[in-house]
Amino acid sequence: MMTDVTISLRLLPHGADLPLPALASTGAAGADLRAAVPADAPLLLQPGQRALVPCGFAMALPEGFEAQVRPRSGLAAKHGVTVLNAPGTIDADYRGEVMVILINLGEDAFPIARGDRIAQMVVAPVVTPRFILVEDLDATARGSGGFGSTGRA
């Protein structure tokens, strides 16, 4: 089931000429986020370096939704550039600039120019958990086994 959600955006002065976040195809889940770095001062992300890259807009997500900032698969596969805290979470009550923490895990410096597509943003519904304290948890076949306990394959 597909749900349409309206998200209010506010362009910031340094992002005014950039395209709004947009889905690249009709079946895409993520909207492209673009770098709002100065045209005359692109970033050069050295191997092992991370940077907080501005996107030039702020937004108001509806209550009950979040936005997840995820890597672009092409940047990761071809250059080793990814989102450090993937997925980064933008909460519905955040009103600051959308920014992306990029890291270069590749072997070569990676340039980031104004308007480059640097990440994708997926808007998703949020389930609000209610945590309760109990004496014992219900038993399962797996139990407390984790971190590879179910085998390699």
N, C-alpha and C. Protein backbone atom coordinates (compact mmCIF):
# COMPACT_ATOMS: atom_id res chain seq x y z
N MET A 1 0.84 -1.17 0.00
CA MET A 1 0.00 0.00 0.00
C MET A 1 0.89 1.24 0.00
N MET A 2 0.64 2.17 -0.90
CA MET A 2 1.42 3.39 -0.98
C MET A 2 0.66 4.51 -0.28
N THR A 3 1.39 5.31 0.48
CA THR A 3 0.81 6.44 1.18
C THR A 3 1.50 7.71 0.74
N ASP A 4 0.75 8.71 0.34
CA ASP A 4 1.32 10.00 0.00
C ASP A 4 1.44 10.83 1.27
N VAL A 5 2.57 11.51 1.42
CA VAL A 5 2.82 12.35 2.57
C VAL A 5 3.32 13.70 2.05
N THR A 6 2.76 14.78 2.56
CA THR A 6 3.21 16.11 2.18
C THR A 6 4.23 16.61 3.20
N ILE A 7 5.37 17.06 2.71
CA ILE A 7 6.43 17.55 3.57
C ILE A 7 6.74 18.99 3.20
N SER A 8 6.65 19.87 4.16
CA SER A 8 6.95 21.28 3.94
C SER A 8 8.46 21.49 3.99
N LEU A 9 8.99 22.18 2.98
CA LEU A 9 10.42 22.47 2.91
C LEU A 9 10.63 23.98 2.97
N ARG A 10 11.72 24.37 3.59
CA ARG A 10 12.14 25.78 3.59
C ARG A 10 13.55 25.83 3.03
N LEU A 11 13.69 26.48 1.88
CA LEU A 11 15.02 26.62 1.29
C LEU A 11 15.82 27.64 2.09
N LEU A 12 17.07 27.32 2.33
CA LEU A 12 17.97 28.23 3.02
C LEU A 12 18.73 29.04 1.96
N PRO A 13 19.24 30.20 2.31
CA PRO A 13 19.88 31.05 1.30
C PRO A 13 20.95 30.33 0.47
N HIS A 14 21.75 29.47 1.09
CA HIS A 14 22.83 28.79 0.35
C HIS A 14 22.31 27.60 -0.46
N GLY A 15 21.01 27.31 -0.40
CA GLY A 15 20.45 26.20 -1.19
C GLY A 15 19.37 26.64 -2.16
N ALA A 16 19.16 27.96 -2.28
CA ALA A 16 18.02 28.49 -3.04
C ALA A 16 18.00 28.07 -4.50
N ASP A 17 19.14 27.86 -5.13
CA ASP A 17 19.17 27.52 -6.55
C ASP A 17 19.26 26.02 -6.82
N LEU A 18 19.27 25.21 -5.78
CA LEU A 18 19.40 23.76 -5.95
C LEU A 18 18.02 23.11 -6.13
N PRO A 19 17.97 21.98 -6.86
CA PRO A 19 16.70 21.26 -6.98
C PRO A 19 16.22 20.76 -5.62
N LEU A 20 14.92 20.69 -5.44
CA LEU A 20 14.35 20.11 -4.23
C LEU A 20 14.64 18.61 -4.21
N PRO A 21 14.62 17.99 -3.02
CA PRO A 21 14.75 16.53 -3.00
C PRO A 21 13.69 15.92 -3.90
N ALA A 22 14.08 14.90 -4.65
CA ALA A 22 13.16 14.30 -5.61
C ALA A 22 13.48 12.84 -5.81
N LEU A 23 12.43 12.06 -6.10
CA LEU A 23 12.60 10.65 -6.45
C LEU A 23 13.11 10.59 -7.89
N ALA A 24 14.13 9.77 -8.14
CA ALA A 24 14.74 9.70 -9.47
C ALA A 24 13.92 8.87 -10.45
N SER A 25 13.04 8.01 -9.95
CA SER A 25 12.20 7.20 -10.83
C SER A 25 10.87 6.94 -10.14
N THR A 26 9.90 6.44 -10.89
CA THR A 26 8.56 6.22 -10.32
C THR A 26 8.55 5.15 -9.23
N GLY A 27 9.48 4.22 -9.27
CA GLY A 27 9.53 3.17 -8.26
C GLY A 27 10.53 3.42 -7.15
N ALA A 28 11.19 4.57 -7.16
CA ALA A 28 12.21 4.87 -6.16
C ALA A 28 11.60 5.09 -4.78
N ALA A 29 12.30 4.65 -3.75
CA ALA A 29 11.87 4.87 -2.37
C ALA A 29 12.53 6.10 -1.77
N GLY A 30 13.73 6.42 -2.24
CA GLY A 30 14.50 7.51 -1.67
C GLY A 30 14.58 8.72 -2.59
N ALA A 31 14.51 9.90 -1.99
CA ALA A 31 14.67 11.16 -2.72
C ALA A 31 16.13 11.58 -2.65
N ASP A 32 16.67 12.02 -3.77
CA ASP A 32 18.07 12.44 -3.81
C ASP A 32 18.28 13.70 -2.99
N LEU A 33 19.35 13.70 -2.21
CA LEU A 33 19.79 14.88 -1.48
C LEU A 33 21.04 15.41 -2.17
N ARG A 34 21.14 16.73 -2.27
CA ARG A 34 22.24 17.36 -2.99
C ARG A 34 23.11 18.20 -2.07
N ALA A 35 24.38 18.30 -2.44
CA ALA A 35 25.34 19.07 -1.66
C ALA A 35 25.13 20.56 -1.89
N ALA A 36 24.97 21.31 -0.79
CA ALA A 36 24.82 22.76 -0.87
C ALA A 36 26.13 23.43 -0.45
N VAL A 37 27.23 22.93 -1.01
CA VAL A 37 28.53 23.55 -0.76
C VAL A 37 28.69 24.72 -1.72
N PRO A 38 29.53 25.69 -1.39
CA PRO A 38 29.73 26.83 -2.30
C PRO A 38 30.28 26.37 -3.65
N ALA A 39 29.80 26.99 -4.72
CA ALA A 39 30.25 26.63 -6.08
C ALA A 39 31.75 26.84 -6.24
N ASP A 40 32.28 27.85 -5.55
CA ASP A 40 33.70 28.15 -5.69
C ASP A 40 34.56 27.46 -4.62
N ALA A 41 33.95 26.60 -3.81
CA ALA A 41 34.69 25.90 -2.77
C ALA A 41 34.17 24.48 -2.58
N PRO A 42 34.35 23.62 -3.60
CA PRO A 42 33.90 22.24 -3.44
C PRO A 42 34.68 21.55 -2.33
N LEU A 43 34.09 20.51 -1.78
CA LEU A 43 34.77 19.70 -0.77
C LEU A 43 35.64 18.66 -1.45
N LEU A 44 36.78 18.37 -0.87
CA LEU A 44 37.60 17.25 -1.33
C LEU A 44 37.73 16.32 -0.15
N LEU A 45 36.98 15.23 -0.20
CA LEU A 45 36.94 14.26 0.90
C LEU A 45 38.08 13.27 0.72
N GLN A 46 39.08 13.39 1.58
CA GLN A 46 40.26 12.53 1.51
C GLN A 46 39.92 11.13 2.04
N PRO A 47 40.68 10.10 1.65
CA PRO A 47 40.45 8.76 2.19
C PRO A 47 40.48 8.79 3.73
N GLY A 48 39.47 8.17 4.33
CA GLY A 48 39.37 8.13 5.79
C GLY A 48 38.75 9.37 6.40
N GLN A 49 38.52 10.41 5.62
CA GLN A 49 37.97 11.65 6.15
C GLN A 49 36.45 11.63 6.11
N ARG A 50 35.84 12.32 7.08
CA ARG A 50 34.39 12.48 7.11
C ARG A 50 34.08 13.97 7.08
N ALA A 51 32.89 14.29 6.60
CA ALA A 51 32.46 15.68 6.53
C ALA A 51 30.96 15.77 6.70
N LEU A 52 30.53 16.83 7.34
CA LEU A 52 29.11 17.13 7.48
C LEU A 52 28.74 18.04 6.31
N VAL A 53 27.97 17.50 5.36
CA VAL A 53 27.68 18.20 4.12
C VAL A 53 26.27 18.79 4.19
N PRO A 54 26.14 20.11 4.04
CA PRO A 54 24.82 20.74 4.07
C PRO A 54 24.02 20.44 2.81
N CYS A 55 22.69 20.41 2.96
CA CYS A 55 21.80 20.17 1.82
C CYS A 55 21.00 21.40 1.43
N GLY A 56 21.08 22.48 2.20
CA GLY A 56 20.47 23.74 1.80
C GLY A 56 18.98 23.89 2.06
N PHE A 57 18.40 23.01 2.88
CA PHE A 57 16.98 23.15 3.21
C PHE A 57 16.70 22.59 4.60
N ALA A 58 15.61 23.05 5.16
CA ALA A 58 15.05 22.50 6.39
C ALA A 58 13.66 21.99 6.04
N MET A 59 13.11 21.14 6.88
CA MET A 59 11.79 20.58 6.56
C MET A 59 11.00 20.32 7.83
N ALA A 60 9.70 20.13 7.63
CA ALA A 60 8.79 19.79 8.72
C ALA A 60 8.11 18.48 8.34
N LEU A 61 8.58 17.39 8.94
CA LEU A 61 7.93 16.10 8.73
C LEU A 61 6.65 16.04 9.54
N PRO A 62 5.62 15.40 9.02
CA PRO A 62 4.40 15.25 9.81
C PRO A 62 4.67 14.36 11.03
N GLU A 63 3.95 14.61 12.10
CA GLU A 63 4.07 13.76 13.29
C GLU A 63 3.76 12.32 12.89
N GLY A 64 4.54 11.38 13.42
CA GLY A 64 4.36 9.98 13.10
C GLY A 64 5.23 9.51 11.94
N PHE A 65 6.12 10.39 11.44
CA PHE A 65 7.03 10.03 10.36
C PHE A 65 8.46 10.41 10.73
N GLU A 66 9.39 9.77 10.10
CA GLU A 66 10.81 10.10 10.20
C GLU A 66 11.37 10.10 8.79
N ALA A 67 12.56 10.68 8.64
CA ALA A 67 13.28 10.57 7.37
C ALA A 67 14.59 9.86 7.67
N GLN A 68 14.92 8.89 6.84
CA GLN A 68 16.17 8.15 6.98
C GLN A 68 17.11 8.59 5.87
N VAL A 69 18.32 9.01 6.24
CA VAL A 69 19.33 9.40 5.27
C VAL A 69 20.21 8.19 5.02
N ARG A 70 20.25 7.78 3.76
CA ARG A 70 20.95 6.55 3.39
C ARG A 70 21.98 6.81 2.30
N PRO A 71 22.96 5.92 2.18
CA PRO A 71 23.97 6.09 1.13
C PRO A 71 23.36 5.91 -0.27
N ARG A 72 24.03 6.49 -1.24
CA ARG A 72 23.72 6.20 -2.63
C ARG A 72 24.59 5.01 -3.02
N SER A 73 23.98 3.98 -3.56
CA SER A 73 24.72 2.74 -3.83
C SER A 73 25.85 2.95 -4.83
N GLY A 74 25.66 3.82 -5.81
CA GLY A 74 26.71 4.06 -6.80
C GLY A 74 27.94 4.70 -6.18
N LEU A 75 27.75 5.66 -5.28
CA LEU A 75 28.90 6.29 -4.62
C LEU A 75 29.64 5.28 -3.75
N ALA A 76 28.89 4.44 -3.07
CA ALA A 76 29.51 3.43 -2.21
C ALA A 76 30.27 2.40 -3.03
N ALA A 77 29.65 1.89 -4.08
CA ALA A 77 30.27 0.82 -4.87
C ALA A 77 31.46 1.32 -5.69
N LYS A 78 31.31 2.48 -6.29
CA LYS A 78 32.35 2.98 -7.20
C LYS A 78 33.47 3.74 -6.49
N HIS A 79 33.16 4.42 -5.38
CA HIS A 79 34.14 5.31 -4.76
C HIS A 79 34.38 5.03 -3.28
N GLY A 80 33.58 4.18 -2.65
CA GLY A 80 33.74 3.92 -1.23
C GLY A 80 33.23 5.05 -0.36
N VAL A 81 32.38 5.92 -0.92
CA VAL A 81 31.83 7.04 -0.17
C VAL A 81 30.45 6.65 0.32
N THR A 82 30.23 6.80 1.63
CA THR A 82 28.98 6.34 2.21
C THR A 82 28.54 7.28 3.33
N VAL A 83 27.35 7.06 3.84
CA VAL A 83 26.82 7.82 4.97
C VAL A 83 27.33 7.15 6.25
N LEU A 84 28.02 7.90 7.07
CA LEU A 84 28.69 7.33 8.24
C LEU A 84 27.72 6.73 9.25
N ASN A 85 26.62 7.38 9.53
CA ASN A 85 25.67 6.90 10.53
C ASN A 85 24.44 6.28 9.87
N ALA A 86 24.67 5.54 8.80
CA ALA A 86 23.56 5.01 7.99
C ALA A 86 22.72 4.00 8.76
N PRO A 87 21.41 4.13 8.72
CA PRO A 87 20.74 5.33 8.23
C PRO A 87 20.71 6.40 9.30
N GLY A 88 20.96 7.61 8.87
CA GLY A 88 20.80 8.75 9.77
C GLY A 88 19.32 9.03 9.93
N THR A 89 18.90 9.40 11.11
CA THR A 89 17.48 9.63 11.37
C THR A 89 17.20 11.12 11.54
N ILE A 90 16.19 11.60 10.83
CA ILE A 90 15.69 12.96 11.03
C ILE A 90 14.32 12.82 11.66
N ASP A 91 14.18 13.35 12.87
CA ASP A 91 12.93 13.24 13.61
C ASP A 91 11.92 14.28 13.16
N ALA A 92 10.65 14.01 13.42
CA ALA A 92 9.57 14.89 13.00
C ALA A 92 9.63 16.26 13.69
N ASP A 93 10.26 16.36 14.84
CA ASP A 93 10.31 17.65 15.53
C ASP A 93 11.59 18.44 15.24
N TYR A 94 12.45 17.97 14.35
CA TYR A 94 13.67 18.68 13.98
C TYR A 94 13.37 19.71 12.89
N ARG A 95 13.85 20.92 13.07
CA ARG A 95 13.58 21.99 12.09
C ARG A 95 14.86 22.63 11.56
N GLY A 96 16.00 22.05 11.85
CA GLY A 96 17.26 22.58 11.35
C GLY A 96 17.56 22.11 9.95
N GLU A 97 18.70 22.53 9.45
CA GLU A 97 19.11 22.15 8.09
C GLU A 97 19.36 20.64 8.00
N VAL A 98 18.92 20.06 6.91
CA VAL A 98 19.23 18.65 6.63
C VAL A 98 20.68 18.60 6.18
N MET A 99 21.45 17.75 6.85
CA MET A 99 22.87 17.58 6.52
C MET A 99 23.19 16.09 6.50
N VAL A 100 24.25 15.76 5.79
CA VAL A 100 24.64 14.37 5.62
C VAL A 100 26.07 14.18 6.09
N ILE A 101 26.29 13.18 6.94
CA ILE A 101 27.65 12.85 7.37
C ILE A 101 28.21 11.85 6.37
N LEU A 102 29.11 12.31 5.50
CA LEU A 102 29.73 11.42 4.52
C LEU A 102 31.11 11.02 5.01
N ILE A 103 31.52 9.81 4.65
CA ILE A 103 32.88 9.33 4.92
C ILE A 103 33.41 8.68 3.65
N ASN A 104 34.68 8.90 3.42
CA ASN A 104 35.34 8.30 2.26
C ASN A 104 36.13 7.08 2.72
N LEU A 105 35.59 5.91 2.44
CA LEU A 105 36.27 4.65 2.78
C LEU A 105 37.07 4.13 1.60
N GLY A 106 37.10 4.90 0.52
CA GLY A 106 37.83 4.52 -0.68
C GLY A 106 39.31 4.85 -0.56
N GLU A 107 40.03 4.60 -1.66
CA GLU A 107 41.47 4.81 -1.68
C GLU A 107 41.87 6.15 -2.28
N ASP A 108 40.93 6.84 -2.95
CA ASP A 108 41.24 8.10 -3.61
C ASP A 108 40.41 9.23 -3.01
N ALA A 109 40.94 10.44 -3.10
CA ALA A 109 40.18 11.62 -2.68
C ALA A 109 38.94 11.72 -3.55
N PHE A 110 37.84 12.18 -2.94
CA PHE A 110 36.58 12.27 -3.65
C PHE A 110 36.06 13.70 -3.62
N PRO A 111 35.90 14.34 -4.79
CA PRO A 111 35.40 15.71 -4.81
C PRO A 111 33.88 15.76 -4.70
N ILE A 112 33.39 16.73 -3.95
CA ILE A 112 31.95 16.96 -3.80
C ILE A 112 31.68 18.39 -4.24
N ALA A 113 30.99 18.53 -5.36
CA ALA A 113 30.70 19.85 -5.92
C ALA A 113 29.27 20.25 -5.59
N ARG A 114 28.99 21.51 -5.73
CA ARG A 114 27.65 22.04 -5.51
C ARG A 114 26.64 21.31 -6.39
N GLY A 115 25.56 20.84 -5.78
CA GLY A 115 24.50 20.16 -6.51
C GLY A 115 24.71 18.68 -6.72
N ASP A 116 25.87 18.14 -6.34
CA ASP A 116 26.09 16.70 -6.48
C ASP A 116 25.08 15.94 -5.61
N ARG A 117 24.58 14.84 -6.14
CA ARG A 117 23.71 13.96 -5.36
C ARG A 117 24.59 13.15 -4.41
N ILE A 118 24.39 13.34 -3.11
CA ILE A 118 25.30 12.76 -2.13
C ILE A 118 24.68 11.66 -1.27
N ALA A 119 23.36 11.60 -1.21
CA ALA A 119 22.68 10.61 -0.38
C ALA A 119 21.23 10.54 -0.83
N GLN A 120 20.48 9.66 -0.20
CA GLN A 120 19.04 9.60 -0.47
C GLN A 120 18.29 9.62 0.85
N MET A 121 17.08 10.13 0.80
CA MET A 121 16.27 10.28 1.98
C MET A 121 14.97 9.50 1.80
N VAL A 122 14.71 8.58 2.72
CA VAL A 122 13.50 7.78 2.70
C VAL A 122 12.61 8.24 3.86
N VAL A 123 11.38 8.59 3.56
CA VAL A 123 10.42 8.98 4.60
C VAL A 123 9.62 7.74 4.98
N ALA A 124 9.53 7.49 6.29
CA ALA A 124 8.89 6.27 6.76
C ALA A 124 8.03 6.54 7.99
N PRO A 125 6.96 5.75 8.16
CA PRO A 125 6.16 5.89 9.38
C PRO A 125 6.94 5.38 10.59
N VAL A 126 6.60 5.92 11.74
CA VAL A 126 7.28 5.55 12.98
C VAL A 126 6.29 4.85 13.90
N VAL A 127 6.71 3.77 14.48
CA VAL A 127 5.94 3.09 15.51
C VAL A 127 6.49 3.57 16.85
N THR A 128 5.64 4.06 17.72
CA THR A 128 6.08 4.55 19.02
C THR A 128 5.98 3.41 20.03
N PRO A 129 7.14 2.94 20.50
CA PRO A 129 7.11 1.82 21.44
C PRO A 129 6.75 2.27 22.84
N ARG A 130 6.19 1.34 23.58
CA ARG A 130 5.92 1.55 25.00
C ARG A 130 6.72 0.47 25.72
N PHE A 131 7.70 0.87 26.50
CA PHE A 131 8.58 -0.08 27.19
C PHE A 131 8.03 -0.38 28.57
N ILE A 132 7.99 -1.67 28.91
CA ILE A 132 7.52 -2.08 30.23
C ILE A 132 8.55 -3.02 30.85
N LEU A 133 8.66 -3.02 32.13
CA LEU A 133 9.59 -3.87 32.85
C LEU A 133 8.89 -5.16 33.25
N VAL A 134 9.55 -6.32 32.99
CA VAL A 134 9.01 -7.62 33.37
C VAL A 134 10.09 -8.42 34.08
N GLU A 135 9.69 -9.46 34.79
CA GLU A 135 10.65 -10.32 35.50
C GLU A 135 11.38 -11.24 34.53
N ASP A 136 10.63 -11.85 33.59
CA ASP A 136 11.21 -12.79 32.63
C ASP A 136 10.62 -12.51 31.25
N LEU A 137 11.41 -12.82 30.24
CA LEU A 137 10.94 -12.70 28.86
C LEU A 137 10.42 -14.05 28.39
N ASP A 138 9.50 -14.05 27.44
CA ASP A 138 9.00 -15.32 26.92
C ASP A 138 10.13 -16.06 26.21
N ALA A 139 10.15 -17.37 26.31
CA ALA A 139 11.22 -18.20 25.76
C ALA A 139 11.05 -18.38 24.26
N THR A 140 12.19 -18.47 23.55
CA THR A 140 12.21 -18.79 22.12
C THR A 140 13.24 -19.87 21.88
N ALA A 141 13.20 -20.50 20.72
CA ALA A 141 14.18 -21.53 20.39
C ALA A 141 15.58 -20.94 20.33
N ARG A 142 15.72 -19.72 19.90
CA ARG A 142 17.03 -19.08 19.78
C ARG A 142 17.56 -18.63 21.14
N GLY A 143 16.68 -18.17 21.99
CA GLY A 143 17.12 -17.70 23.31
C GLY A 143 18.00 -16.47 23.21
N SER A 144 19.11 -16.47 23.95
CA SER A 144 19.99 -15.30 23.97
C SER A 144 21.13 -15.40 22.97
N GLY A 145 21.10 -16.42 22.11
CA GLY A 145 22.16 -16.57 21.11
C GLY A 145 22.13 -15.43 20.11
N GLY A 146 23.26 -14.86 19.83
CA GLY A 146 23.34 -13.78 18.86
C GLY A 146 24.73 -13.72 18.24
N PHE A 147 24.96 -12.75 17.40
CA PHE A 147 26.27 -12.53 16.80
C PHE A 147 26.83 -13.79 16.15
N GLY A 148 26.06 -14.36 15.24
CA GLY A 148 26.51 -15.54 14.49
C GLY A 148 26.10 -16.87 15.08
N SER A 149 25.28 -16.85 16.13
CA SER A 149 24.92 -18.09 16.79
C SER A 149 24.06 -19.02 15.95
N THR A 150 23.40 -18.49 14.91
CA THR A 150 22.55 -19.34 14.08
C THR A 150 23.30 -19.94 12.91
N GLY A 151 24.61 -19.73 12.83
CA GLY A 151 25.40 -20.33 11.75
C GLY A 151 25.81 -19.30 10.72
N ARG A 152 26.71 -19.73 9.85
CA ARG A 152 27.29 -18.85 8.86
C ARG A 152 26.39 -18.65 7.65
N ALA A 153 25.70 -19.67 7.24
CA ALA A 153 24.91 -19.59 6.00
C ALA A 153 23.47 -19.23 6.28
